N, C-alpha and C. Protein backbone atom coordinates (compact mmCIF):
# COMPACT_ATOMS: atom_id res chain seq x y z
N MET A 1 106.72 -60.58 -22.95
CA MET A 1 106.04 -61.49 -22.21
C MET A 1 106.14 -62.48 -22.99
N SER A 2 105.91 -63.91 -21.74
CA SER A 2 106.22 -65.12 -22.21
C SER A 2 104.82 -65.75 -22.84
N LEU A 3 104.83 -66.45 -23.83
CA LEU A 3 103.66 -67.15 -24.33
C LEU A 3 102.94 -67.59 -23.46
N VAL A 4 103.21 -68.63 -21.90
CA VAL A 4 102.76 -68.96 -21.04
C VAL A 4 101.61 -67.83 -20.04
N THR A 5 102.56 -66.70 -20.02
CA THR A 5 101.68 -65.68 -19.23
C THR A 5 100.63 -64.44 -20.24
N GLY A 6 101.08 -64.84 -21.67
CA GLY A 6 100.15 -64.39 -22.38
C GLY A 6 98.71 -65.05 -22.33
N LEU A 7 98.85 -66.55 -22.45
CA LEU A 7 97.82 -67.44 -22.59
C LEU A 7 96.89 -67.26 -21.22
N CYS A 8 97.69 -67.07 -20.15
CA CYS A 8 96.95 -67.01 -18.59
C CYS A 8 96.13 -65.56 -18.80
N PHE A 9 96.63 -64.55 -19.25
CA PHE A 9 96.16 -63.28 -19.08
C PHE A 9 94.98 -63.38 -20.15
N PHE A 10 95.06 -63.91 -21.42
CA PHE A 10 93.92 -63.92 -22.59
C PHE A 10 92.55 -64.73 -21.65
N ALA A 11 92.95 -66.18 -20.92
CA ALA A 11 92.11 -67.01 -20.51
C ALA A 11 91.50 -66.15 -19.37
N THR A 12 92.42 -65.33 -18.63
CA THR A 12 91.34 -64.88 -17.57
C THR A 12 90.68 -64.00 -18.02
N ALA A 13 91.01 -63.09 -19.05
CA ALA A 13 90.16 -61.89 -19.67
C ALA A 13 88.80 -62.71 -20.44
N LEU A 14 88.91 -63.66 -20.93
CA LEU A 14 87.96 -64.45 -21.65
C LEU A 14 86.93 -64.85 -20.75
N SER A 15 87.42 -65.42 -19.44
CA SER A 15 86.64 -66.07 -18.64
C SER A 15 85.79 -64.88 -17.64
N ALA A 16 86.59 -63.72 -17.56
CA ALA A 16 86.13 -62.56 -16.74
C ALA A 16 85.06 -61.79 -17.74
N GLY A 17 84.87 -62.10 -18.71
CA GLY A 17 84.27 -61.47 -19.77
C GLY A 17 84.28 -59.81 -20.10
N GLU A 18 85.85 -59.59 -19.82
CA GLU A 18 86.34 -58.31 -20.02
C GLU A 18 87.02 -57.98 -21.36
N MET A 19 86.65 -58.73 -22.40
CA MET A 19 87.26 -58.59 -23.71
C MET A 19 86.51 -57.35 -24.11
N PRO A 20 87.00 -56.66 -25.13
CA PRO A 20 86.24 -55.66 -25.79
C PRO A 20 85.37 -56.56 -26.74
N ASP A 21 84.58 -55.68 -27.50
CA ASP A 21 83.43 -56.34 -28.44
C ASP A 21 84.19 -56.88 -29.63
N HIS A 22 85.13 -55.95 -30.31
CA HIS A 22 86.01 -56.28 -31.53
C HIS A 22 87.17 -56.44 -30.84
N VAL A 23 88.43 -57.28 -31.27
CA VAL A 23 89.40 -57.46 -31.02
C VAL A 23 90.39 -57.44 -32.36
N PRO A 24 91.18 -56.46 -32.73
CA PRO A 24 91.93 -56.75 -33.90
C PRO A 24 92.96 -57.81 -33.99
N ALA A 25 93.31 -58.53 -35.13
CA ALA A 25 94.21 -59.76 -35.28
C ALA A 25 94.71 -59.37 -36.72
N LYS A 26 95.88 -59.26 -36.72
CA LYS A 26 96.86 -59.97 -37.80
C LYS A 26 96.74 -60.41 -38.18
N VAL A 27 96.46 -61.01 -39.38
CA VAL A 27 96.53 -62.54 -40.55
C VAL A 27 97.85 -62.91 -40.66
N LEU A 28 98.75 -63.99 -39.93
CA LEU A 28 99.68 -64.43 -40.67
C LEU A 28 99.59 -65.14 -41.69
N TYR A 29 98.89 -66.26 -41.61
CA TYR A 29 98.47 -67.30 -42.79
C TYR A 29 97.41 -67.86 -42.26
N VAL A 30 96.96 -68.66 -43.46
CA VAL A 30 95.50 -69.44 -43.49
C VAL A 30 96.15 -70.85 -43.33
N LYS A 31 95.38 -71.38 -42.29
CA LYS A 31 95.74 -72.86 -42.08
C LYS A 31 94.82 -74.04 -43.18
N ASP A 32 93.55 -73.44 -42.87
CA ASP A 32 92.48 -74.21 -43.69
C ASP A 32 91.56 -72.94 -44.24
N GLY A 33 90.09 -73.47 -44.34
CA GLY A 33 89.28 -72.68 -44.48
C GLY A 33 88.33 -72.51 -43.28
N ASP A 34 88.41 -72.77 -42.36
CA ASP A 34 87.73 -72.35 -41.25
C ASP A 34 89.08 -72.34 -39.92
N THR A 35 90.23 -71.99 -40.43
CA THR A 35 91.37 -71.94 -39.33
C THR A 35 92.72 -71.16 -39.75
N PHE A 36 92.79 -69.78 -39.02
CA PHE A 36 94.14 -68.99 -39.32
C PHE A 36 94.88 -68.98 -38.04
N ARG A 37 96.29 -68.66 -38.62
CA ARG A 37 97.15 -67.91 -37.77
C ARG A 37 96.93 -66.51 -37.57
N ALA A 38 97.00 -66.04 -36.40
CA ALA A 38 96.87 -64.18 -36.37
C ALA A 38 97.83 -63.87 -35.10
N ILE A 39 98.32 -62.69 -34.92
CA ILE A 39 98.72 -62.00 -33.83
C ILE A 39 97.43 -60.76 -33.31
N VAL A 40 96.76 -61.54 -32.18
CA VAL A 40 95.51 -60.92 -31.77
C VAL A 40 96.15 -59.94 -30.73
N THR A 41 95.33 -58.54 -30.76
CA THR A 41 95.59 -57.97 -29.94
C THR A 41 94.89 -58.17 -28.52
N ILE A 42 95.17 -58.07 -27.40
CA ILE A 42 94.29 -58.67 -26.27
C ILE A 42 94.19 -57.24 -25.53
N TRP A 43 94.71 -56.50 -25.64
CA TRP A 43 94.97 -55.30 -24.67
C TRP A 43 95.85 -54.20 -25.42
N PRO A 44 95.87 -53.05 -25.31
CA PRO A 44 96.88 -51.90 -25.88
C PRO A 44 98.28 -52.52 -25.44
N ASP A 45 99.19 -52.72 -26.04
CA ASP A 45 100.51 -53.21 -26.36
C ASP A 45 100.55 -54.45 -25.96
N LEU A 46 99.72 -55.41 -25.86
CA LEU A 46 99.49 -56.83 -25.58
C LEU A 46 99.10 -57.51 -26.66
N SER A 47 99.98 -58.26 -27.23
CA SER A 47 99.51 -59.13 -28.41
C SER A 47 99.70 -60.63 -27.80
N LEU A 48 99.17 -61.50 -28.91
CA LEU A 48 99.47 -63.22 -28.71
C LEU A 48 99.08 -63.41 -30.16
N GLU A 49 100.09 -64.23 -30.12
CA GLU A 49 99.99 -65.36 -31.42
C GLU A 49 99.30 -66.39 -31.32
N THR A 50 98.11 -66.65 -32.09
CA THR A 50 97.49 -67.75 -31.76
C THR A 50 96.50 -68.44 -33.16
N ASP A 51 96.01 -69.50 -33.19
CA ASP A 51 95.04 -69.98 -33.97
C ASP A 51 93.91 -69.30 -33.93
N VAL A 52 93.01 -69.03 -34.65
CA VAL A 52 91.84 -68.50 -34.57
C VAL A 52 90.95 -69.62 -35.89
N ARG A 53 89.82 -70.30 -34.94
CA ARG A 53 89.00 -70.85 -35.41
C ARG A 53 87.69 -70.16 -35.90
N VAL A 54 87.26 -70.43 -36.70
CA VAL A 54 86.29 -69.51 -37.17
C VAL A 54 84.67 -70.23 -36.61
N ALA A 55 84.04 -69.37 -36.14
CA ALA A 55 82.82 -69.73 -35.55
C ALA A 55 81.81 -70.12 -36.54
N HIS A 56 81.04 -70.95 -36.07
CA HIS A 56 79.73 -71.05 -37.15
C HIS A 56 79.87 -72.02 -38.46
N ILE A 57 81.15 -72.31 -38.70
CA ILE A 57 81.01 -72.83 -39.96
C ILE A 57 82.34 -74.04 -39.75
N ASP A 58 82.18 -75.16 -40.92
CA ASP A 58 83.25 -76.13 -40.72
C ASP A 58 83.32 -76.15 -42.18
N THR A 59 84.69 -76.68 -42.61
CA THR A 59 84.96 -76.43 -44.36
C THR A 59 85.72 -77.78 -44.34
N PRO A 60 85.67 -78.42 -45.55
CA PRO A 60 86.58 -79.56 -45.67
C PRO A 60 87.91 -79.96 -45.55
N GLU A 61 88.06 -80.82 -45.25
CA GLU A 61 89.71 -80.81 -44.82
C GLU A 61 90.49 -81.23 -45.91
N GLU A 62 91.87 -80.68 -46.17
CA GLU A 62 92.54 -80.48 -47.58
C GLU A 62 93.45 -82.10 -47.11
N LYS A 63 93.91 -81.82 -45.86
CA LYS A 63 94.93 -82.97 -45.53
C LYS A 63 94.47 -83.70 -44.73
N ARG A 64 94.99 -83.76 -43.59
CA ARG A 64 94.69 -84.33 -42.35
C ARG A 64 93.12 -84.58 -42.07
N GLY A 65 92.76 -85.59 -41.91
CA GLY A 65 91.13 -85.71 -41.81
C GLY A 65 90.45 -85.85 -42.47
N SER A 66 90.90 -85.63 -44.00
CA SER A 66 90.13 -85.99 -44.96
C SER A 66 89.59 -87.21 -45.27
N GLU A 67 88.57 -87.51 -45.40
CA GLU A 67 87.70 -88.82 -45.63
C GLU A 67 87.96 -89.30 -47.08
N CYS A 68 87.90 -88.81 -48.48
CA CYS A 68 87.99 -88.95 -49.76
C CYS A 68 88.63 -87.90 -50.74
N GLU A 69 88.81 -88.05 -51.81
CA GLU A 69 89.60 -87.32 -52.70
C GLU A 69 88.64 -86.03 -52.83
N ALA A 70 87.31 -86.22 -53.17
CA ALA A 70 86.53 -84.94 -53.19
C ALA A 70 86.37 -84.14 -52.22
N GLU A 71 86.68 -84.51 -50.79
CA GLU A 71 86.88 -83.82 -49.97
C GLU A 71 88.33 -82.90 -49.65
N ARG A 72 89.02 -83.73 -50.28
CA ARG A 72 90.51 -82.98 -50.10
C ARG A 72 90.31 -82.03 -51.32
N GLN A 73 89.57 -82.13 -52.71
CA GLN A 73 89.85 -80.93 -53.60
C GLN A 73 88.69 -79.91 -53.26
N ALA A 74 87.70 -80.43 -52.60
CA ALA A 74 86.72 -78.80 -51.77
C ALA A 74 87.59 -78.72 -50.74
N GLY A 75 88.46 -79.02 -49.94
CA GLY A 75 89.51 -78.55 -48.71
C GLY A 75 90.24 -77.45 -49.64
N LYS A 76 90.97 -77.77 -50.61
CA LYS A 76 91.68 -77.29 -51.22
C LYS A 76 91.23 -75.80 -51.90
N LEU A 77 90.00 -76.14 -52.27
CA LEU A 77 89.50 -74.65 -53.04
C LEU A 77 89.15 -74.02 -51.66
N ALA A 78 88.52 -74.42 -50.50
CA ALA A 78 88.12 -73.49 -49.38
C ALA A 78 89.27 -72.86 -48.90
N SER A 79 90.30 -73.55 -48.93
CA SER A 79 91.54 -73.14 -48.57
C SER A 79 92.70 -71.69 -49.52
N GLU A 80 92.05 -72.07 -50.55
CA GLU A 80 92.45 -71.03 -51.67
C GLU A 80 91.48 -69.58 -51.58
N TYR A 81 90.37 -70.17 -51.32
CA TYR A 81 89.06 -69.02 -51.05
C TYR A 81 89.54 -68.19 -49.68
N ALA A 82 89.67 -68.92 -49.07
CA ALA A 82 89.77 -68.36 -47.57
C ALA A 82 91.12 -67.16 -47.54
N LYS A 83 92.03 -67.68 -48.35
CA LYS A 83 93.44 -66.88 -48.49
C LYS A 83 93.20 -65.54 -49.21
N SER A 84 92.08 -65.53 -50.06
CA SER A 84 92.05 -64.89 -50.91
C SER A 84 91.08 -63.71 -50.13
N LEU A 85 90.48 -63.98 -49.07
CA LEU A 85 89.45 -63.25 -48.11
C LEU A 85 90.66 -62.85 -46.98
N LEU A 86 91.44 -63.56 -46.30
CA LEU A 86 92.20 -63.50 -45.25
C LEU A 86 93.64 -63.24 -45.88
N ARG A 87 94.09 -61.89 -46.55
CA ARG A 87 95.48 -61.79 -46.94
C ARG A 87 96.50 -61.82 -45.79
N ARG A 88 97.75 -62.26 -45.82
CA ARG A 88 98.57 -61.92 -45.19
C ARG A 88 98.88 -60.52 -44.58
N GLN A 89 99.14 -60.38 -43.00
CA GLN A 89 99.50 -58.81 -42.95
C GLN A 89 98.28 -58.27 -42.76
N GLN A 90 96.77 -58.75 -42.99
CA GLN A 90 95.78 -57.54 -43.10
C GLN A 90 95.35 -57.88 -41.51
N THR A 91 94.45 -56.84 -41.22
CA THR A 91 94.01 -56.62 -40.10
C THR A 91 92.32 -57.03 -39.94
N VAL A 92 92.13 -58.12 -39.45
CA VAL A 92 90.48 -58.41 -39.32
C VAL A 92 90.12 -57.94 -37.99
N PHE A 93 88.85 -58.34 -37.30
CA PHE A 93 88.59 -58.55 -36.16
C PHE A 93 87.69 -59.44 -35.69
N LEU A 94 87.80 -59.91 -34.69
CA LEU A 94 87.29 -60.77 -33.87
C LEU A 94 86.39 -60.31 -33.03
N SER A 95 85.46 -61.15 -32.80
CA SER A 95 84.19 -60.95 -31.90
C SER A 95 83.59 -62.40 -31.32
N LYS A 96 83.27 -62.32 -30.24
CA LYS A 96 82.20 -63.39 -29.36
C LYS A 96 83.47 -64.42 -29.18
N ILE A 97 84.64 -64.11 -28.72
CA ILE A 97 85.85 -64.93 -28.43
C ILE A 97 85.56 -65.89 -27.63
N ARG A 98 86.04 -66.94 -27.55
CA ARG A 98 86.12 -68.27 -26.64
C ARG A 98 87.10 -69.04 -26.87
N LYS A 99 87.40 -69.84 -25.72
CA LYS A 99 88.70 -70.82 -25.74
C LYS A 99 87.99 -71.81 -26.95
N GLY A 100 89.09 -72.31 -27.67
CA GLY A 100 88.87 -73.76 -28.28
C GLY A 100 89.11 -75.08 -27.36
N LYS A 101 89.06 -75.96 -27.83
CA LYS A 101 88.72 -77.17 -27.34
C LYS A 101 90.60 -77.90 -27.48
N TYR A 102 90.87 -77.13 -27.98
CA TYR A 102 92.56 -77.48 -28.64
C TYR A 102 93.34 -76.27 -27.75
N ALA A 103 94.35 -76.86 -27.35
CA ALA A 103 95.38 -76.13 -26.72
C ALA A 103 95.82 -74.60 -27.33
N GLY A 104 95.52 -73.72 -26.79
CA GLY A 104 96.35 -72.28 -27.78
C GLY A 104 95.34 -72.18 -28.75
N ARG A 105 94.42 -72.81 -28.91
CA ARG A 105 93.47 -72.00 -30.00
C ARG A 105 91.94 -71.47 -29.68
N ILE A 106 91.62 -70.19 -30.12
CA ILE A 106 90.49 -69.64 -29.83
C ILE A 106 89.20 -70.06 -30.97
N ILE A 107 88.14 -69.52 -30.86
CA ILE A 107 87.14 -69.90 -31.49
C ILE A 107 86.57 -68.29 -31.57
N ALA A 108 86.30 -67.91 -32.64
CA ALA A 108 85.51 -66.24 -33.02
C ALA A 108 85.05 -66.08 -34.07
N GLU A 109 83.90 -65.18 -34.21
CA GLU A 109 83.60 -64.68 -35.29
C GLU A 109 84.45 -63.40 -35.64
N VAL A 110 84.60 -63.44 -37.06
CA VAL A 110 85.64 -62.94 -37.92
C VAL A 110 85.02 -62.01 -38.73
N THR A 111 85.51 -60.37 -38.63
CA THR A 111 84.65 -59.47 -39.32
C THR A 111 85.98 -59.24 -40.51
N LEU A 112 85.88 -58.92 -41.73
CA LEU A 112 86.61 -58.83 -42.51
C LEU A 112 86.80 -57.28 -42.73
N PRO A 113 88.07 -56.64 -43.20
CA PRO A 113 88.22 -54.87 -43.43
C PRO A 113 87.14 -54.19 -43.82
N ASP A 114 86.53 -55.13 -45.13
CA ASP A 114 85.08 -54.11 -45.68
C ASP A 114 83.95 -54.66 -45.03
N GLY A 115 84.41 -55.21 -43.76
CA GLY A 115 82.79 -55.34 -43.14
C GLY A 115 82.14 -56.28 -43.17
N ARG A 116 82.29 -57.39 -43.96
CA ARG A 116 81.72 -58.44 -44.35
C ARG A 116 82.13 -59.75 -43.06
N ASP A 117 80.82 -60.30 -42.72
CA ASP A 117 81.68 -61.26 -41.97
C ASP A 117 82.16 -62.74 -42.68
N TYR A 118 83.15 -63.23 -42.31
CA TYR A 118 84.05 -64.24 -42.75
C TYR A 118 83.19 -65.20 -42.98
N GLY A 119 82.67 -66.14 -42.13
CA GLY A 119 81.92 -67.33 -41.78
C GLY A 119 80.76 -67.35 -42.93
N SER A 120 79.95 -65.88 -43.17
CA SER A 120 78.98 -65.61 -44.01
C SER A 120 79.40 -65.97 -45.46
N ALA A 121 80.79 -65.11 -45.60
CA ALA A 121 81.25 -65.22 -46.75
C ALA A 121 81.41 -66.69 -47.69
N MET A 122 82.07 -67.44 -46.47
CA MET A 122 82.51 -68.59 -46.80
C MET A 122 81.10 -69.90 -47.14
N LEU A 123 80.18 -69.49 -46.16
CA LEU A 123 78.99 -70.24 -46.51
C LEU A 123 78.41 -69.66 -48.11
N LYS A 124 78.16 -68.36 -48.26
CA LYS A 124 77.72 -67.98 -49.31
C LYS A 124 78.16 -68.64 -50.62
N ALA A 125 79.84 -68.85 -50.57
CA ALA A 125 80.36 -68.99 -51.61
C ALA A 125 80.61 -70.68 -51.79
N LYS A 126 79.53 -71.59 -50.50
CA LYS A 126 79.25 -72.88 -50.64
C LYS A 126 80.85 -73.38 -50.47
N HIS A 127 81.62 -73.11 -49.60
CA HIS A 127 82.97 -73.51 -49.40
C HIS A 127 83.13 -73.76 -47.78
N ALA A 128 81.84 -73.60 -47.27
CA ALA A 128 81.25 -74.16 -45.95
C ALA A 128 80.09 -74.73 -45.90
N ILE A 129 79.81 -75.46 -44.65
CA ILE A 129 78.84 -75.74 -44.19
C ILE A 129 78.38 -75.17 -42.49
N PRO A 130 77.01 -75.00 -42.42
CA PRO A 130 76.93 -74.40 -40.87
C PRO A 130 77.46 -75.32 -39.58
N TYR A 131 78.02 -75.11 -38.83
CA TYR A 131 78.64 -75.68 -37.76
C TYR A 131 78.72 -74.93 -36.49
N GLU A 132 77.77 -75.69 -35.26
CA GLU A 132 77.58 -75.00 -33.86
C GLU A 132 78.25 -76.07 -33.16
N GLY A 133 79.42 -76.86 -33.27
CA GLY A 133 79.89 -77.97 -32.17
C GLY A 133 79.44 -79.29 -32.36
N GLY A 134 79.92 -79.86 -31.68
CA GLY A 134 79.55 -81.44 -31.51
C GLY A 134 79.96 -82.23 -32.77
N ARG A 135 79.45 -82.98 -33.19
CA ARG A 135 79.87 -84.26 -34.36
C ARG A 135 79.67 -83.51 -35.52
N LYS A 136 80.83 -83.51 -36.43
CA LYS A 136 80.59 -82.69 -37.93
C LYS A 136 80.26 -83.60 -38.38
N ARG A 137 79.42 -83.10 -39.57
CA ARG A 137 78.67 -83.73 -40.58
C ARG A 137 79.76 -83.69 -41.48
N LYS A 138 79.98 -84.85 -42.63
CA LYS A 138 80.77 -85.08 -43.25
C LYS A 138 80.04 -85.08 -44.75
N VAL A 139 79.73 -84.13 -45.87
CA VAL A 139 79.10 -84.27 -46.20
C VAL A 139 79.83 -84.04 -47.80
N TRP A 140 80.92 -83.94 -47.86
CA TRP A 140 81.63 -83.72 -49.10
C TRP A 140 82.30 -85.04 -49.88
N CYS A 141 81.94 -86.61 -49.26
CA CYS A 141 82.11 -87.63 -49.66
C CYS A 141 81.14 -87.84 -50.17
N LYS A 142 79.87 -88.08 -50.17
CA LYS A 142 78.53 -88.50 -50.56
C LYS A 142 78.63 -89.91 -50.93
N GLY A 143 79.33 -91.04 -50.17
CA GLY A 143 79.18 -92.67 -50.62
C GLY A 143 81.14 -92.78 -51.22
N GLU A 144 81.77 -91.92 -51.56
CA GLU A 144 82.73 -91.97 -52.15
C GLU A 144 84.10 -92.42 -51.05
N LYS A 145 84.63 -93.69 -51.39
CA LYS A 145 85.71 -94.15 -50.51
C LYS A 145 87.06 -93.04 -50.70
N SER A 146 87.50 -93.33 -49.48
CA SER A 146 89.08 -92.75 -49.45
C SER A 146 89.73 -93.77 -50.00
C-alpha cells in the first residue's frame, strides 16, 4: 500500500471514529521527549509509519526551536529519559488518536508495555509540563538569553 493510501485510510478511520480503543505501535526511534517515530498498526495486517506526538505534555527542545542553553540541556535530558522508556522495536499502545497539525503526524496518549502512561511518567520525572494545545509556555529559560 502506498503512503498516500495509508494516510487516507488512517484519516478516514480517525474521522469516522472507527479506530479501536488501543492501537499497537512499534517504536522506531525517539525524536525528542514528546515525539517519536513508530509503525502503527491501524487495522489487522495494515500498518503505517508516522510520527507520534504525545498528548497532554510538552518537553523542552534540544535543537530546533530551543530558546536558550538551559532549554537545550533540559531537552537533552528529556530525550535521554524518553529513550529509556521508549526503546527501539518495543510495542506501545496508542489511544485517543487524532490528527496533528503537521502533515503526517498524529497525537495520541501512549501506554508503555508495563501499563504506565508515558506522558504521566515524563511529568513525574519533571522532563515535561502539562500541555493541551495552543500557545506553549516556555518555562525552561527563566530570563536566560539564547
